[in-house]
């Protein structure tokens, strides 16, 4: 992503930078939605007292 910031005399290529940011964040977001059920179960079991 640093490559798309440009050099000393170049303007940042914001469109490419935003696309790369989405590509980097997408696997984390997909993993969260795929495992969301287990996250919620962990939270509910942690809050329960017997």
PDB file of N, CA and C in Angstrom:
ATOM      1  N   UNK A   1       0.820  -1.180   0.000  1.00  0.00           N
ATOM      2  CA  UNK A   1       0.000   0.000   0.000  1.00  0.00           C
ATOM      3  C   UNK A   1       0.873   1.257   0.000  1.00  0.00           C
ATOM      4  N   UNK A   2       2.039   1.153   0.577  1.00  0.00           N
ATOM      5  CA  UNK A   2       2.943   2.307   0.620  1.00  0.00           C
ATOM      6  C   UNK A   2       3.341   2.744  -0.784  1.00  0.00           C
ATOM      7  N   UNK A   3       3.382   1.797  -1.715  1.00  0.00           N
ATOM      8  CA  UNK A   3       3.754   2.094  -3.099  1.00  0.00           C
ATOM      9  C   UNK A   3       2.803   3.109  -3.726  1.00  0.00           C
ATOM     10  N   UNK A   4       1.522   3.057  -3.370  1.00  0.00           N
ATOM     11  CA  UNK A   4       0.531   3.935  -3.977  1.00  0.00           C
ATOM     12  C   UNK A   4       0.494   5.328  -3.362  1.00  0.00           C
ATOM     13  N   UNK A   5       1.280   5.576  -2.315  1.00  0.00           N
ATOM     14  CA  UNK A   5       1.337   6.921  -1.745  1.00  0.00           C
ATOM     15  C   UNK A   5       2.115   7.888  -2.628  1.00  0.00           C
ATOM     16  N   UNK A   6       2.902   7.371  -3.538  1.00  0.00           N
ATOM     17  CA  UNK A   6       3.637   8.220  -4.463  1.00  0.00           C
ATOM     18  C   UNK A   6       4.978   8.649  -3.892  1.00  0.00           C
ATOM     19  N   UNK A   7       5.771   9.232  -4.733  1.00  0.00           N
ATOM     20  CA  UNK A   7       7.099   9.689  -4.311  1.00  0.00           C
ATOM     21  C   UNK A   7       7.056  11.128  -3.856  1.00  0.00           C
ATOM     22  N   UNK A   8       8.200  11.778  -3.968  1.00  0.00           N
ATOM     23  CA  UNK A   8       8.314  13.162  -3.510  1.00  0.00           C
ATOM     24  C   UNK A   8       7.507  14.096  -4.404  1.00  0.00           C
ATOM     25  N   UNK A   9       7.580  13.890  -5.711  1.00  0.00           N
ATOM     26  CA  UNK A   9       6.903  14.789  -6.642  1.00  0.00           C
ATOM     27  C   UNK A   9       5.612  14.216  -7.203  1.00  0.00           C
ATOM     28  N   UNK A  10       5.167  13.100  -6.684  1.00  0.00           N
ATOM     29  CA  UNK A  10       3.955  12.485  -7.210  1.00  0.00           C
ATOM     30  C   UNK A  10       2.811  12.642  -6.217  1.00  0.00           C
ATOM     31  N   UNK A  11       1.620  12.780  -6.754  1.00  0.00           N
ATOM     32  CA  UNK A  11       0.435  12.841  -5.905  1.00  0.00           C
ATOM     33  C   UNK A  11       0.028  11.413  -5.530  1.00  0.00           C
ATOM     34  N   UNK A  12      -0.537  11.238  -4.349  1.00  0.00           N
ATOM     35  CA  UNK A  12      -0.983   9.897  -3.956  1.00  0.00           C
ATOM     36  C   UNK A  12      -2.079   9.406  -4.901  1.00  0.00           C
ATOM     37  N   UNK A  13      -2.035   8.137  -5.207  1.00  0.00           N
ATOM     38  CA  UNK A  13      -3.067   7.532  -6.052  1.00  0.00           C
ATOM     39  C   UNK A  13      -4.150   6.978  -5.119  1.00  0.00           C
ATOM     40  N   UNK A  14      -5.077   7.857  -4.747  1.00  0.00           N
ATOM     41  CA  UNK A  14      -6.053   7.516  -3.719  1.00  0.00           C
ATOM     42  C   UNK A  14      -6.966   6.380  -4.142  1.00  0.00           C
ATOM     43  N   UNK A  15      -7.325   6.300  -5.422  1.00  0.00           N
ATOM     44  CA  UNK A  15      -8.229   5.239  -5.845  1.00  0.00           C
ATOM     45  C   UNK A  15      -7.586   3.867  -5.653  1.00  0.00           C
ATOM     46  N   UNK A  16      -6.316   3.717  -6.017  1.00  0.00           N
ATOM     47  CA  UNK A  16      -5.626   2.442  -5.828  1.00  0.00           C
ATOM     48  C   UNK A  16      -5.396   2.149  -4.346  1.00  0.00           C
ATOM     49  N   UNK A  17      -5.127   3.202  -3.586  1.00  0.00           N
ATOM     50  CA  UNK A  17      -4.897   3.033  -2.157  1.00  0.00           C
ATOM     51  C   UNK A  17      -6.164   2.535  -1.452  1.00  0.00           C
ATOM     52  N   UNK A  18      -7.314   3.073  -1.836  1.00  0.00           N
ATOM     53  CA  UNK A  18      -8.575   2.639  -1.233  1.00  0.00           C
ATOM     54  C   UNK A  18      -8.918   1.200  -1.632  1.00  0.00           C
ATOM     55  N   UNK A  19      -8.657   0.846  -2.875  1.00  0.00           N
ATOM     56  CA  UNK A  19      -8.916  -0.532  -3.318  1.00  0.00           C
ATOM     57  C   UNK A  19      -8.031  -1.507  -2.551  1.00  0.00           C
ATOM     58  N   UNK A  20      -6.769  -1.165  -2.363  1.00  0.00           N
ATOM     59  CA  UNK A  20      -5.873  -2.046  -1.623  1.00  0.00           C
ATOM     60  C   UNK A  20      -6.290  -2.151  -0.151  1.00  0.00           C
ATOM     61  N   UNK A  21      -6.780  -1.069   0.413  1.00  0.00           N
ATOM     62  CA  UNK A  21      -7.243  -1.110   1.802  1.00  0.00           C
ATOM     63  C   UNK A  21      -8.437  -2.044   1.936  1.00  0.00           C
ATOM     64  N   UNK A  22      -9.335  -2.027   0.958  1.00  0.00           N
ATOM     65  CA  UNK A  22     -10.482  -2.942   0.979  1.00  0.00           C
ATOM     66  C   UNK A  22     -10.021  -4.385   0.852  1.00  0.00           C
ATOM     67  N   UNK A  23      -9.071  -4.644  -0.051  1.00  0.00           N
ATOM     68  CA  UNK A  23      -8.561  -6.006  -0.235  1.00  0.00           C
ATOM     69  C   UNK A  23      -7.876  -6.525   1.026  1.00  0.00           C
ATOM     70  N   UNK A  24      -7.223  -5.638   1.772  1.00  0.00           N
ATOM     71  CA  UNK A  24      -6.557  -6.056   2.998  1.00  0.00           C
ATOM     72  C   UNK A  24      -7.584  -6.333   4.101  1.00  0.00           C
ATOM     73  N   UNK A  25      -8.622  -5.521   4.192  1.00  0.00           N
ATOM     74  CA  UNK A  25      -9.607  -5.656   5.261  1.00  0.00           C
ATOM     75  C   UNK A  25     -10.653  -6.723   4.973  1.00  0.00           C
ATOM     76  N   UNK A  26     -10.882  -7.061   3.726  1.00  0.00           N
ATOM     77  CA  UNK A  26     -11.955  -7.982   3.357  1.00  0.00           C
ATOM     78  C   UNK A  26     -11.845  -9.360   4.010  1.00  0.00           C
ATOM     79  N   UNK A  27     -10.683 -10.011   4.042  1.00  0.00           N
ATOM     80  CA  UNK A  27     -10.632 -11.327   4.696  1.00  0.00           C
ATOM     81  C   UNK A  27     -10.987 -11.280   6.181  1.00  0.00           C
ATOM     82  N   UNK A  28     -10.594 -10.217   6.869  1.00  0.00           N
ATOM     83  CA  UNK A  28     -10.916 -10.093   8.290  1.00  0.00           C
ATOM     84  C   UNK A  28     -12.419  -9.923   8.476  1.00  0.00           C
ATOM     85  N   UNK A  29     -13.038  -9.121   7.637  1.00  0.00           N
ATOM     86  CA  UNK A  29     -14.480  -8.900   7.723  1.00  0.00           C
ATOM     87  C   UNK A  29     -15.238 -10.182   7.413  1.00  0.00           C
ATOM     88  N   UNK A  30     -14.822 -10.909   6.377  1.00  0.00           N
ATOM     89  CA  UNK A  30     -15.478 -12.169   6.033  1.00  0.00           C
ATOM     90  C   UNK A  30     -15.310 -13.206   7.135  1.00  0.00           C
ATOM     91  N   UNK A  31     -14.144 -13.260   7.746  1.00  0.00           N
ATOM     92  CA  UNK A  31     -13.923 -14.179   8.856  1.00  0.00           C
ATOM     93  C   UNK A  31     -14.819 -13.837  10.031  1.00  0.00           C
ATOM     94  N   UNK A  32     -14.994 -12.567  10.307  1.00  0.00           N
ATOM     95  CA  UNK A  32     -15.879 -12.165  11.405  1.00  0.00           C
ATOM     96  C   UNK A  32     -17.304 -12.614  11.152  1.00  0.00           C
ATOM     97  N   UNK A  33     -17.823 -12.384   9.933  1.00  0.00           N
ATOM     98  CA  UNK A  33     -19.194 -12.774   9.653  1.00  0.00           C
ATOM     99  C   UNK A  33     -19.366 -14.286   9.616  1.00  0.00           C
ATOM    100  N   UNK A  34     -18.329 -15.013   9.194  1.00  0.00           N
ATOM    101  CA  UNK A  34     -18.409 -16.465   9.177  1.00  0.00           C
ATOM    102  C   UNK A  34     -18.396 -17.034  10.598  1.00  0.00           C
ATOM    103  N   UNK A  35     -17.661 -16.410  11.508  1.00  0.00           N
ATOM    104  CA  UNK A  35     -17.521 -16.923  12.869  1.00  0.00           C
ATOM    105  C   UNK A  35     -18.340 -16.130  13.879  1.00  0.00           C
ATOM    106  N   UNK A  36     -19.235 -15.293  13.421  1.00  0.00           N
ATOM    107  CA  UNK A  36     -20.001 -14.438  14.312  1.00  0.00           C
ATOM    108  C   UNK A  36     -20.819 -15.255  15.307  1.00  0.00           C
ATOM    109  N   UNK A  37     -21.354 -16.370  14.884  1.00  0.00           N
ATOM    110  CA  UNK A  37     -22.159 -17.217  15.769  1.00  0.00           C
ATOM    111  C   UNK A  37     -21.328 -17.677  16.960  1.00  0.00           C
ATOM    112  N   UNK A  38     -20.069 -18.048  16.738  1.00  0.00           N
ATOM    113  CA  UNK A  38     -19.211 -18.526  17.822  1.00  0.00           C
ATOM    114  C   UNK A  38     -18.799 -17.383  18.749  1.00  0.00           C
ATOM    115  N   UNK A  39     -18.620 -16.188  18.206  1.00  0.00           N
ATOM    116  CA  UNK A  39     -18.313 -15.032  19.045  1.00  0.00           C
ATOM    117  C   UNK A  39     -19.479 -14.734  19.992  1.00  0.00           C
ATOM    118  N   UNK A  40     -20.692 -14.775  19.462  1.00  0.00           N
ATOM    119  CA  UNK A  40     -21.869 -14.488  20.278  1.00  0.00           C
ATOM    120  C   UNK A  40     -22.051 -15.564  21.344  1.00  0.00           C
ATOM    121  N   UNK A  41     -21.844 -16.838  20.986  1.00  0.00           N
ATOM    122  CA  UNK A  41     -21.955 -17.916  21.965  1.00  0.00           C
ATOM    123  C   UNK A  41     -20.937 -17.726  23.086  1.00  0.00           C
ATOM    124  N   UNK A  42     -19.726 -17.339  22.746  1.00  0.00           N
ATOM    125  CA  UNK A  42     -18.707 -17.113  23.762  1.00  0.00           C
ATOM    126  C   UNK A  42     -19.069 -15.984  24.701  1.00  0.00           C
ATOM    127  N   UNK A  43     -19.675 -14.947  24.158  1.00  0.00           N
ATOM    128  CA  UNK A  43     -20.077 -13.811  24.991  1.00  0.00           C
ATOM    129  C   UNK A  43     -21.213 -14.216  25.921  1.00  0.00           C
ATOM    130  N   UNK A  44     -22.182 -14.985  25.425  1.00  0.00           N
ATOM    131  CA  UNK A  44     -23.322 -15.369  26.268  1.00  0.00           C
ATOM    132  C   UNK A  44     -22.894 -16.350  27.348  1.00  0.00           C
ATOM    133  N   UNK A  45     -21.980 -17.275  27.034  1.00  0.00           N
ATOM    134  CA  UNK A  45     -21.528 -18.214  28.054  1.00  0.00           C
ATOM    135  C   UNK A  45     -20.669 -17.527  29.100  1.00  0.00           C
ATOM    136  N   UNK A  46     -19.953 -16.514  28.720  1.00  0.00           N
ATOM    137  CA  UNK A  46     -19.126 -15.785  29.681  1.00  0.00           C
ATOM    138  C   UNK A  46     -19.996 -15.010  30.664  1.00  0.00           C
ATOM    139  N   UNK A  47     -21.118 -14.509  30.223  1.00  0.00           N
ATOM    140  CA  UNK A  47     -21.986 -13.728  31.080  1.00  0.00           C
ATOM    141  C   UNK A  47     -22.894 -14.553  31.974  1.00  0.00           C
ATOM    142  N   UNK A  48     -22.985 -15.868  31.741  1.00  0.00           N
ATOM    143  CA  UNK A  48     -23.881 -16.706  32.541  1.00  0.00           C
ATOM    144  C   UNK A  48     -23.198 -17.141  33.835  1.00  0.00           C
ATOM    145  N   UNK A  49     -23.972 -17.138  34.931  1.00  0.00           N
ATOM    146  CA  UNK A  49     -23.462 -17.630  36.210  1.00  0.00           C
ATOM    147  C   UNK A  49     -24.353 -18.796  36.647  1.00  0.00           C
ATOM    148  N   UNK A  50     -23.721 -19.785  37.232  1.00  0.00           N
ATOM    149  CA  UNK A  50     -24.484 -20.943  37.683  1.00  0.00           C
ATOM    150  C   UNK A  50     -24.626 -20.971  39.169  1.00  0.00           C
TER     151      UNK A  50
END
